[in-house]
PDB file of N, CA and C in Angstrom:
ATOM      1  N   ASP A   1      -4.742  -2.259 -24.926  1.00  0.00           N
ATOM      2  CA  ASP A   1      -5.170  -1.388 -23.827  1.00  0.00           C
ATOM      3  C   ASP A   1      -4.018  -1.187 -22.844  1.00  0.00           C
ATOM      4  N   SER A   2      -3.643   0.058 -22.602  1.00  0.00           N
ATOM      5  CA  SER A   2      -2.517   0.338 -21.698  1.00  0.00           C
ATOM      6  C   SER A   2      -2.843  -0.097 -20.281  1.00  0.00           C
ATOM      7  N   ASN A   3      -4.122  -0.089 -19.931  1.00  0.00           N
ATOM      8  CA  ASN A   3      -4.517  -0.487 -18.580  1.00  0.00           C
ATOM      9  C   ASN A   3      -4.176  -1.947 -18.342  1.00  0.00           C
ATOM     10  N   GLU A   4      -4.418  -2.788 -19.349  1.00  0.00           N
ATOM     11  CA  GLU A   4      -4.122  -4.215 -19.204  1.00  0.00           C
ATOM     12  C   GLU A   4      -2.618  -4.430 -19.063  1.00  0.00           C
ATOM     13  N   ILE A   5      -1.843  -3.682 -19.846  1.00  0.00           N
ATOM     14  CA  ILE A   5      -0.379  -3.815 -19.769  1.00  0.00           C
ATOM     15  C   ILE A   5       0.099  -3.444 -18.371  1.00  0.00           C
ATOM     16  N   HIS A   6      -0.421  -2.345 -17.839  1.00  0.00           N
ATOM     17  CA  HIS A   6      -0.023  -1.906 -16.498  1.00  0.00           C
ATOM     18  C   HIS A   6      -0.365  -2.982 -15.473  1.00  0.00           C
ATOM     19  N   PHE A   7      -1.549  -3.585 -15.635  1.00  0.00           N
ATOM     20  CA  PHE A   7      -1.970  -4.631 -14.705  1.00  0.00           C
ATOM     21  C   PHE A   7      -1.037  -5.830 -14.802  1.00  0.00           C
ATOM     22  N   ARG A   8      -0.678  -6.196 -16.034  1.00  0.00           N
ATOM     23  CA  ARG A   8       0.210  -7.350 -16.222  1.00  0.00           C
ATOM     24  C   ARG A   8       1.580  -7.080 -15.608  1.00  0.00           C
ATOM     25  N   VAL A   9       2.095  -5.886 -15.811  1.00  0.00           N
ATOM     26  CA  VAL A   9       3.405  -5.538 -15.241  1.00  0.00           C
ATOM     27  C   VAL A   9       3.346  -5.613 -13.723  1.00  0.00           C
ATOM     28  N   LYS A  10       2.234  -5.134 -13.151  1.00  0.00           N
ATOM     29  CA  LYS A  10       2.088  -5.163 -11.693  1.00  0.00           C
ATOM     30  C   LYS A  10       2.088  -6.606 -11.195  1.00  0.00           C
ATOM     31  N   MET A  11       1.364  -7.476 -11.897  1.00  0.00           N
ATOM     32  CA  MET A  11       1.298  -8.880 -11.498  1.00  0.00           C
ATOM     33  C   MET A  11       2.677  -9.525 -11.592  1.00  0.00           C
ATOM     34  N   THR A  12       3.400  -9.221 -12.678  1.00  0.00           N
ATOM     35  CA  THR A  12       4.736  -9.793 -12.847  1.00  0.00           C
ATOM     36  C   THR A  12       5.655  -9.330 -11.724  1.00  0.00           C
ATOM     37  N   THR A  13       5.547  -8.058 -11.353  1.00  0.00           N
ATOM     38  CA  THR A  13       6.383  -7.533 -10.274  1.00  0.00           C
ATOM     39  C   THR A  13       6.061  -8.237  -8.967  1.00  0.00           C
ATOM     40  N   GLN A  14       4.774  -8.460  -8.723  1.00  0.00           N
ATOM     41  CA  GLN A  14       4.374  -9.148  -7.498  1.00  0.00           C
ATOM     42  C   GLN A  14       4.958 -10.557  -7.476  1.00  0.00           C
ATOM     43  N   MET A  15       4.879 -11.264  -8.590  1.00  0.00           N
ATOM     44  CA  MET A  15       5.417 -12.623  -8.674  1.00  0.00           C
ATOM     45  C   MET A  15       6.925 -12.603  -8.452  1.00  0.00           C
ATOM     46  N   GLY A  16       7.603 -11.621  -9.021  1.00  0.00           N
ATOM     47  CA  GLY A  16       9.046 -11.521  -8.860  1.00  0.00           C
ATOM     48  C   GLY A  16       9.420 -11.319  -7.399  1.00  0.00           C
ATOM     49  N   LYS A  17       8.674 -10.475  -6.717  1.00  0.00           N
ATOM     50  CA  LYS A  17       8.947 -10.242  -5.290  1.00  0.00           C
ATOM     51  C   LYS A  17       8.702 -11.513  -4.496  1.00  0.00           C
ATOM     52  N   LEU A  18       7.628 -12.227  -4.815  1.00  0.00           N
ATOM     53  CA  LEU A  18       7.314 -13.466  -4.106  1.00  0.00           C
ATOM     54  C   LEU A  18       8.429 -14.484  -4.309  1.00  0.00           C
ATOM     55  N   LYS A  19       8.852 -14.644  -5.559  1.00  0.00           N
ATOM     56  CA  LYS A  19       9.902 -15.626  -5.852  1.00  0.00           C
ATOM     57  C   LYS A  19      11.204 -15.244  -5.163  1.00  0.00           C
ATOM     58  N   LYS A  20      11.512 -13.944  -5.151  1.00  0.00           N
ATOM     59  CA  LYS A  20      12.753 -13.498  -4.519  1.00  0.00           C
ATOM     60  C   LYS A  20      12.719 -13.783  -3.023  1.00  0.00           C
ATOM     61  N   SER A  21      11.638 -13.424  -2.374  1.00  0.00           N
ATOM     62  CA  SER A  21      11.532 -13.660  -0.930  1.00  0.00           C
ATOM     63  C   SER A  21      11.540 -15.155  -0.643  1.00  0.00           C
ATOM     64  N   TYR A  22      10.946 -15.934  -1.536  1.00  0.00           N
ATOM     65  CA  TYR A  22      10.919 -17.386  -1.339  1.00  0.00           C
ATOM     66  C   TYR A  22      12.328 -17.963  -1.459  1.00  0.00           C
ATOM     67  N   SER A  23      13.059 -17.539  -2.497  1.00  0.00           N
ATOM     68  CA  SER A  23      14.415 -18.062  -2.681  1.00  0.00           C
ATOM     69  C   SER A  23      15.314 -17.608  -1.537  1.00  0.00           C
ATOM     70  N   ASP A  24      15.082 -16.407  -1.024  1.00  0.00           N
ATOM     71  CA  ASP A  24      15.882 -15.923   0.105  1.00  0.00           C
ATOM     72  C   ASP A  24      15.630 -16.770   1.343  1.00  0.00           C
ATOM     73  N   ARG A  25      14.393 -17.254   1.489  1.00  0.00           N
ATOM     74  CA  ARG A  25      14.049 -18.044   2.668  1.00  0.00           C
ATOM     75  C   ARG A  25      14.663 -19.436   2.573  1.00  0.00           C
ATOM     76  N   VAL A  26      14.727 -19.974   1.372  1.00  0.00           N
ATOM     77  CA  VAL A  26      15.223 -21.356   1.209  1.00  0.00           C
ATOM     78  C   VAL A  26      16.719 -21.448   1.420  1.00  0.00           C
TER      79      VAL A  26
END
């Protein structure tokens, strides 16, 4: 299902942004 793939990509992007902002803070 393409919808699930889109959702997974969105979640991965969110995690990447969180990790980046976290590493920038540390």
